[in-house]
Amino acid sequence: MGEILVNLLEPNEMPLHIFEDLTLVIKQIDLVLNAIIPSLHLEITNQKELFLKNGEEGISFEIVSVKNNKYIPLKYESEGIKRLISVISSMIAAYNNYSICLMIDKFDSGIFDTC
């Protein structure tokens, strides 16, 4: 349990040891997202190793959606898809831990997929 802050709309930089945890989270989110919208996947692209300001080894990357083998930066996805992606990790945490109570108001408001 923890938090990894990631900008879904822009490229990100983070330490390598945190990126390894993020890749597992993205795989979990992709599994659930693909069960809801079968034609949609999430992937981490444009991975490039670098040194961070503090001298630590890091990586820059971007999270994109993949529809019909076309890579789409998330900033161009619908608001509903972006909202769905942002709550799925909380849904996974609530499912796996009985002590978490997750409440989402108007969950389906604005969530429409256009294929």
C-alpha atoms as a PDB file:
ATOM      1  CA  MET A   1       0.000   0.000   0.000  1.00  0.00           C
ATOM      2  CA  GLY A   2       1.222   3.455  -0.812  1.00  0.00           C
ATOM      3  CA  GLU A   3       0.985   6.245  -3.298  1.00  0.00           C
ATOM      4  CA  ILE A   4       2.853   6.793  -6.524  1.00  0.00           C
ATOM      5  CA  LEU A   5       2.039  10.151  -8.058  1.00  0.00           C
ATOM      6  CA  VAL A   6       1.968   9.999 -11.846  1.00  0.00           C
ATOM      7  CA  ASN A   7       0.853  12.609 -14.323  1.00  0.00           C
ATOM      8  CA  LEU A   8      -1.370  10.771 -16.796  1.00  0.00           C
ATOM      9  CA  LEU A   9      -1.254  13.634 -19.282  1.00  0.00           C
ATOM     10  CA  GLU A  10       2.472  14.403 -19.516  1.00  0.00           C
ATOM     11  CA  PRO A  11       5.786  12.522 -19.532  1.00  0.00           C
ATOM     12  CA  ASN A  12       7.063  11.612 -16.049  1.00  0.00           C
ATOM     13  CA  GLU A  13      10.416  11.131 -14.339  1.00  0.00           C
ATOM     14  CA  MET A  14      10.971   8.991 -11.246  1.00  0.00           C
ATOM     15  CA  PRO A  15      13.578   6.856  -9.481  1.00  0.00           C
ATOM     16  CA  LEU A  16      14.072   3.372 -10.941  1.00  0.00           C
ATOM     17  CA  HIS A  17      13.015   1.562  -7.734  1.00  0.00           C
ATOM     18  CA  ILE A  18       9.656   3.389  -7.734  1.00  0.00           C
ATOM     19  CA  PHE A  19       9.209   2.819 -11.485  1.00  0.00           C
ATOM     20  CA  GLU A  20       9.416  -0.949 -10.903  1.00  0.00           C
ATOM     21  CA  ASP A  21       6.447  -0.714  -8.520  1.00  0.00           C
ATOM     22  CA  LEU A  22       4.586   1.506 -10.982  1.00  0.00           C
ATOM     23  CA  THR A  23       4.918  -1.051 -13.779  1.00  0.00           C
ATOM     24  CA  LEU A  24       3.144  -3.611 -11.585  1.00  0.00           C
ATOM     25  CA  VAL A  25       0.357  -1.128 -10.808  1.00  0.00           C
ATOM     26  CA  ILE A  26      -0.093  -0.275 -14.505  1.00  0.00           C
ATOM     27  CA  LYS A  27      -0.353  -3.989 -15.334  1.00  0.00           C
ATOM     28  CA  GLN A  28      -3.078  -4.385 -12.685  1.00  0.00           C
ATOM     29  CA  ILE A  29      -4.950  -1.336 -13.960  1.00  0.00           C
ATOM     30  CA  ASP A  30      -4.656  -2.604 -17.546  1.00  0.00           C
ATOM     31  CA  LEU A  31      -6.099  -5.981 -16.565  1.00  0.00           C
ATOM     32  CA  VAL A  32      -9.193  -4.374 -15.022  1.00  0.00           C
ATOM     33  CA  LEU A  33      -9.514  -1.717 -17.744  1.00  0.00           C
ATOM     34  CA  ASN A  34      -9.373  -4.362 -20.463  1.00  0.00           C
ATOM     35  CA  ALA A  35     -12.123  -6.340 -18.712  1.00  0.00           C
ATOM     36  CA  ILE A  36     -14.333  -3.229 -18.801  1.00  0.00           C
ATOM     37  CA  ILE A  37     -13.364  -2.053 -22.305  1.00  0.00           C
ATOM     38  CA  PRO A  38     -11.919  -5.023 -24.243  1.00  0.00           C
ATOM     39  CA  SER A  39     -10.413  -2.923 -27.037  1.00  0.00           C
ATOM     40  CA  LEU A  40      -8.417  -0.696 -24.660  1.00  0.00           C
ATOM     41  CA  HIS A  41      -5.009  -1.278 -23.053  1.00  0.00           C
ATOM     42  CA  LEU A  42      -2.543   0.837 -21.086  1.00  0.00           C
ATOM     43  CA  GLU A  43       1.175   0.762 -21.763  1.00  0.00           C
ATOM     44  CA  ILE A  44       4.271   2.557 -20.575  1.00  0.00           C
ATOM     45  CA  THR A  45       6.233   3.959 -23.534  1.00  0.00           C
ATOM     46  CA  ASN A  46       9.185   6.202 -24.334  1.00  0.00           C
ATOM     47  CA  GLN A  47      11.224   4.742 -21.483  1.00  0.00           C
ATOM     48  CA  LYS A  48      14.597   6.404 -21.166  1.00  0.00           C
ATOM     49  CA  GLU A  49      17.085   6.028 -18.344  1.00  0.00           C
ATOM     50  CA  LEU A  50      18.478   9.252 -16.886  1.00  0.00           C
ATOM     51  CA  PHE A  51      19.955  10.784 -13.765  1.00  0.00           C
ATOM     52  CA  LEU A  52      17.613  12.769 -11.534  1.00  0.00           C
ATOM     53  CA  LYS A  53      18.450  16.145  -9.918  1.00  0.00           C
ATOM     54  CA  ASN A  54      19.705  14.376  -6.779  1.00  0.00           C
ATOM     55  CA  GLY A  55      22.051  12.144  -8.833  1.00  0.00           C
ATOM     56  CA  GLU A  56      19.879   9.052  -8.384  1.00  0.00           C
ATOM     57  CA  GLU A  57      19.277   6.738 -11.339  1.00  0.00           C
ATOM     58  CA  GLY A  58      15.847   7.353 -12.789  1.00  0.00           C
ATOM     59  CA  ILE A  59      13.676   6.894 -15.821  1.00  0.00           C
ATOM     60  CA  SER A  60      11.463   9.089 -17.935  1.00  0.00           C
ATOM     61  CA  PHE A  61       8.343   7.585 -19.469  1.00  0.00           C
ATOM     62  CA  GLU A  62       4.809   8.221 -20.687  1.00  0.00           C
ATOM     63  CA  ILE A  63       1.619   6.253 -20.124  1.00  0.00           C
ATOM     64  CA  VAL A  64      -0.499   5.777 -23.252  1.00  0.00           C
ATOM     65  CA  SER A  65      -3.648   3.965 -24.226  1.00  0.00           C
ATOM     66  CA  VAL A  66      -3.588   1.445 -27.044  1.00  0.00           C
ATOM     67  CA  LYS A  67      -6.651   0.916 -29.246  1.00  0.00           C
ATOM     68  CA  ASN A  68      -6.489  -1.260 -32.355  1.00  0.00           C
ATOM     69  CA  ASN A  69      -2.660  -1.194 -32.241  1.00  0.00           C
ATOM     70  CA  LYS A  70      -2.643   2.641 -32.231  1.00  0.00           C
ATOM     71  CA  TYR A  71      -0.844   4.448 -29.412  1.00  0.00           C
ATOM     72  CA  ILE A  72      -2.773   7.414 -28.046  1.00  0.00           C
ATOM     73  CA  PRO A  73      -1.322   9.794 -25.437  1.00  0.00           C
ATOM     74  CA  LEU A  74      -3.763   9.974 -22.531  1.00  0.00           C
ATOM     75  CA  LYS A  75      -4.134  13.730 -22.921  1.00  0.00           C
ATOM     76  CA  TYR A  76      -6.090  12.966 -26.123  1.00  0.00           C
ATOM     77  CA  GLU A  77      -8.351  10.349 -24.510  1.00  0.00           C
ATOM     78  CA  SER A  78     -11.910  11.144 -23.471  1.00  0.00           C
ATOM     79  CA  GLU A  79     -12.505  12.585 -20.007  1.00  0.00           C
ATOM     80  CA  GLY A  80     -14.457   9.453 -19.089  1.00  0.00           C
ATOM     81  CA  ILE A  81     -11.567   7.126 -19.930  1.00  0.00           C
ATOM     82  CA  LYS A  82      -9.131   9.319 -17.990  1.00  0.00           C
ATOM     83  CA  ARG A  83     -11.513   9.326 -15.016  1.00  0.00           C
ATOM     84  CA  LEU A  84     -11.908   5.551 -15.189  1.00  0.00           C
ATOM     85  CA  ILE A  85      -8.141   4.987 -15.306  1.00  0.00           C
ATOM     86  CA  SER A  86      -7.628   7.280 -12.335  1.00  0.00           C
ATOM     87  CA  VAL A  87     -10.066   5.383 -10.068  1.00  0.00           C
ATOM     88  CA  ILE A  88      -9.237   1.792 -11.031  1.00  0.00           C
ATOM     89  CA  SER A  89      -6.187   1.586  -8.747  1.00  0.00           C
ATOM     90  CA  SER A  90      -8.369   2.705  -5.823  1.00  0.00           C
ATOM     91  CA  MET A  91     -10.935   0.067  -6.795  1.00  0.00           C
ATOM     92  CA  ILE A  92      -8.201  -2.598  -6.819  1.00  0.00           C
ATOM     93  CA  ALA A  93      -6.978  -1.486  -3.384  1.00  0.00           C
ATOM     94  CA  ALA A  94     -10.521  -1.589  -1.980  1.00  0.00           C
ATOM     95  CA  TYR A  95     -11.085  -5.053  -3.450  1.00  0.00           C
ATOM     96  CA  ASN A  96      -7.860  -6.411  -1.941  1.00  0.00           C
ATOM     97  CA  ASN A  97      -8.186  -4.825   1.509  1.00  0.00           C
ATOM     98  CA  TYR A  98     -11.444  -5.164   3.442  1.00  0.00           C
ATOM     99  CA  SER A  99     -10.543  -2.207   5.672  1.00  0.00           C
ATOM    100  CA  ILE A 100     -10.701   0.240   2.737  1.00  0.00           C
ATOM    101  CA  CYS A 101     -14.026   1.897   2.044  1.00  0.00           C
ATOM    102  CA  LEU A 102     -14.218   3.471  -1.406  1.00  0.00           C
ATOM    103  CA  MET A 103     -17.085   5.810  -2.274  1.00  0.00           C
ATOM    104  CA  ILE A 104     -17.417   7.324  -5.734  1.00  0.00           C
ATOM    105  CA  ASP A 105     -20.230   9.758  -6.459  1.00  0.00           C
ATOM    106  CA  LYS A 106     -21.735   9.717  -9.971  1.00  0.00           C
ATOM    107  CA  PHE A 107     -19.292   7.066 -11.131  1.00  0.00           C
ATOM    108  CA  ASP A 108     -20.671   6.743 -14.649  1.00  0.00           C
ATOM    109  CA  SER A 109     -21.055  10.472 -15.239  1.00  0.00           C
ATOM    110  CA  GLY A 110     -19.184  11.277 -18.433  1.00  0.00           C
ATOM    111  CA  ILE A 111     -17.767   7.793 -18.998  1.00  0.00           C
ATOM    112  CA  PHE A 112     -18.447   6.918 -22.609  1.00  0.00           C
ATOM    113  CA  ASP A 113     -16.149   4.945 -24.866  1.00  0.00           C
ATOM    114  CA  THR A 114     -16.065   5.648 -28.568  1.00  0.00           C
ATOM    115  CA  CYS A 115     -14.331   2.972 -30.603  1.00  0.00           C
END
